[in-house]
Amino acid sequence: MDCGTGDSLLESNRELVAVFKKTGLAYEYHELPGAHTWEYWDMRIREMLSVLMTKFAR
């Protein structure tokens, strides 16, 4: 998961991460400066695709 610190969904993402932690679910979470915008998406998509491809290749 990836969320900008200026995103309106930030608190929801943090709540979901807390549930993941509590249940022991494996996850990867990143918070970086930015909001729920195409600019943020463009900045993060390559990194996220790389992570996903690595995880799914296993």
N, C-alpha and C. Protein backbone atom coordinates (compact mmCIF):
# COMPACT_ATOMS: atom_id res chain seq x y z
N MET A 1 0.85 -1.18 0.00
CA MET A 1 0.00 0.00 0.00
C MET A 1 0.88 1.22 0.00
N ASP A 2 0.35 2.28 -0.54
CA ASP A 2 1.09 3.52 -0.68
C ASP A 2 0.10 4.66 -0.55
N CYS A 3 0.43 5.66 0.25
CA CYS A 3 -0.48 6.78 0.45
C CYS A 3 0.30 8.06 0.67
N GLY A 4 -0.17 9.12 0.06
CA GLY A 4 0.44 10.42 0.28
C GLY A 4 0.01 11.01 1.61
N THR A 5 0.90 11.73 2.25
CA THR A 5 0.58 12.31 3.56
C THR A 5 -0.45 13.42 3.47
N GLY A 6 -0.71 13.92 2.26
CA GLY A 6 -1.75 14.92 2.06
C GLY A 6 -3.02 14.33 1.47
N ASP A 7 -3.12 13.02 1.44
CA ASP A 7 -4.25 12.32 0.85
C ASP A 7 -5.43 12.32 1.83
N SER A 8 -6.63 12.52 1.32
CA SER A 8 -7.82 12.48 2.17
C SER A 8 -8.08 11.08 2.71
N LEU A 9 -7.44 10.07 2.12
CA LEU A 9 -7.61 8.68 2.57
C LEU A 9 -6.51 8.24 3.55
N LEU A 10 -5.67 9.16 3.97
CA LEU A 10 -4.54 8.80 4.83
C LEU A 10 -4.98 8.11 6.12
N GLU A 11 -5.93 8.67 6.82
CA GLU A 11 -6.36 8.07 8.09
C GLU A 11 -6.98 6.69 7.86
N SER A 12 -7.74 6.54 6.79
CA SER A 12 -8.32 5.23 6.47
C SER A 12 -7.23 4.21 6.19
N ASN A 13 -6.20 4.62 5.48
CA ASN A 13 -5.09 3.72 5.20
C ASN A 13 -4.37 3.33 6.48
N ARG A 14 -4.17 4.28 7.36
CA ARG A 14 -3.51 3.98 8.64
C ARG A 14 -4.35 3.02 9.48
N GLU A 15 -5.67 3.19 9.45
CA GLU A 15 -6.55 2.27 10.18
C GLU A 15 -6.46 0.86 9.60
N LEU A 16 -6.41 0.75 8.29
CA LEU A 16 -6.29 -0.55 7.65
C LEU A 16 -4.96 -1.21 7.99
N VAL A 17 -3.89 -0.43 8.00
CA VAL A 17 -2.57 -0.95 8.38
C VAL A 17 -2.60 -1.45 9.83
N ALA A 18 -3.30 -0.75 10.70
CA ALA A 18 -3.42 -1.19 12.10
C ALA A 18 -4.12 -2.56 12.17
N VAL A 19 -5.14 -2.76 11.34
CA VAL A 19 -5.83 -4.06 11.28
C VAL A 19 -4.86 -5.12 10.77
N PHE A 20 -4.11 -4.80 9.73
CA PHE A 20 -3.13 -5.76 9.21
C PHE A 20 -2.14 -6.18 10.29
N LYS A 21 -1.63 -5.19 11.02
CA LYS A 21 -0.68 -5.49 12.10
C LYS A 21 -1.31 -6.40 13.15
N LYS A 22 -2.53 -6.05 13.55
CA LYS A 22 -3.22 -6.80 14.60
C LYS A 22 -3.47 -8.25 14.19
N THR A 23 -3.78 -8.47 12.93
CA THR A 23 -4.10 -9.82 12.46
C THR A 23 -2.87 -10.58 11.99
N GLY A 24 -1.73 -9.89 11.89
CA GLY A 24 -0.51 -10.56 11.45
C GLY A 24 -0.40 -10.74 9.95
N LEU A 25 -1.25 -10.05 9.21
CA LEU A 25 -1.23 -10.12 7.75
C LEU A 25 0.05 -9.48 7.21
N ALA A 26 0.67 -10.13 6.24
CA ALA A 26 1.88 -9.57 5.61
C ALA A 26 1.47 -8.41 4.70
N TYR A 27 2.19 -7.32 4.78
CA TYR A 27 1.91 -6.16 3.96
C TYR A 27 3.15 -5.28 3.85
N GLU A 28 3.10 -4.37 2.93
CA GLU A 28 4.14 -3.34 2.80
C GLU A 28 3.39 -2.02 2.65
N TYR A 29 3.78 -1.01 3.42
CA TYR A 29 3.06 0.26 3.43
C TYR A 29 4.06 1.40 3.37
N HIS A 30 3.73 2.38 2.53
CA HIS A 30 4.59 3.57 2.38
C HIS A 30 3.74 4.83 2.48
N GLU A 31 4.25 5.81 3.19
CA GLU A 31 3.65 7.15 3.22
C GLU A 31 4.72 8.13 2.75
N LEU A 32 4.36 8.93 1.77
CA LEU A 32 5.28 9.92 1.23
C LEU A 32 4.53 11.23 1.03
N PRO A 33 5.25 12.34 0.93
CA PRO A 33 4.57 13.61 0.68
C PRO A 33 3.76 13.54 -0.61
N GLY A 34 2.56 14.05 -0.57
CA GLY A 34 1.72 14.08 -1.76
C GLY A 34 0.26 13.88 -1.39
N ALA A 35 -0.59 13.94 -2.41
CA ALA A 35 -2.03 13.83 -2.19
C ALA A 35 -2.60 12.80 -3.16
N HIS A 36 -3.92 12.70 -3.21
CA HIS A 36 -4.60 11.74 -4.07
C HIS A 36 -4.72 12.37 -5.47
N THR A 37 -3.58 12.41 -6.18
CA THR A 37 -3.51 13.07 -7.47
C THR A 37 -2.79 12.20 -8.49
N TRP A 38 -2.97 12.54 -9.78
CA TRP A 38 -2.23 11.84 -10.82
C TRP A 38 -0.74 12.08 -10.67
N GLU A 39 -0.34 13.25 -10.21
CA GLU A 39 1.09 13.54 -10.01
C GLU A 39 1.70 12.54 -9.02
N TYR A 40 1.00 12.29 -7.92
CA TYR A 40 1.49 11.32 -6.93
C TYR A 40 1.54 9.93 -7.55
N TRP A 41 0.46 9.55 -8.24
CA TRP A 41 0.40 8.25 -8.90
C TRP A 41 1.57 8.07 -9.86
N ASP A 42 1.80 9.07 -10.71
CA ASP A 42 2.91 9.01 -11.67
C ASP A 42 4.25 8.84 -10.96
N MET A 43 4.40 9.51 -9.81
CA MET A 43 5.65 9.45 -9.05
C MET A 43 5.88 8.05 -8.46
N ARG A 44 4.80 7.37 -8.05
CA ARG A 44 4.94 6.13 -7.29
C ARG A 44 4.70 4.85 -8.08
N ILE A 45 4.10 4.92 -9.26
CA ILE A 45 3.67 3.72 -9.96
C ILE A 45 4.82 2.78 -10.31
N ARG A 46 5.93 3.30 -10.75
CA ARG A 46 7.05 2.41 -11.12
C ARG A 46 7.54 1.62 -9.92
N GLU A 47 7.68 2.28 -8.80
CA GLU A 47 8.12 1.61 -7.56
C GLU A 47 7.11 0.54 -7.14
N MET A 48 5.85 0.90 -7.16
CA MET A 48 4.83 -0.04 -6.72
C MET A 48 4.72 -1.24 -7.66
N LEU A 49 4.81 -1.00 -8.96
CA LEU A 49 4.78 -2.13 -9.90
C LEU A 49 5.97 -3.05 -9.70
N SER A 50 7.12 -2.48 -9.42
CA SER A 50 8.31 -3.29 -9.15
C SER A 50 8.09 -4.18 -7.93
N VAL A 51 7.55 -3.61 -6.87
CA VAL A 51 7.27 -4.38 -5.64
C VAL A 51 6.26 -5.47 -5.94
N LEU A 52 5.18 -5.13 -6.63
CA LEU A 52 4.16 -6.13 -6.94
C LEU A 52 4.68 -7.25 -7.81
N MET A 53 5.47 -6.93 -8.81
CA MET A 53 6.01 -7.96 -9.69
C MET A 53 6.92 -8.90 -8.91
N THR A 54 7.71 -8.36 -7.99
CA THR A 54 8.59 -9.19 -7.17
C THR A 54 7.77 -10.12 -6.28
N LYS A 55 6.72 -9.58 -5.66
CA LYS A 55 5.88 -10.38 -4.76
C LYS A 55 5.12 -11.47 -5.51
N PHE A 56 4.57 -11.13 -6.67
CA PHE A 56 3.79 -12.10 -7.43
C PHE A 56 4.65 -13.13 -8.14
N ALA A 57 5.92 -12.83 -8.35
CA ALA A 57 6.81 -13.78 -9.02
C ALA A 57 7.14 -14.95 -8.12
N ARG A 58 6.95 -14.81 -6.83
CA ARG A 58 7.27 -15.87 -5.88
C ARG A 58 6.29 -16.92 -5.99
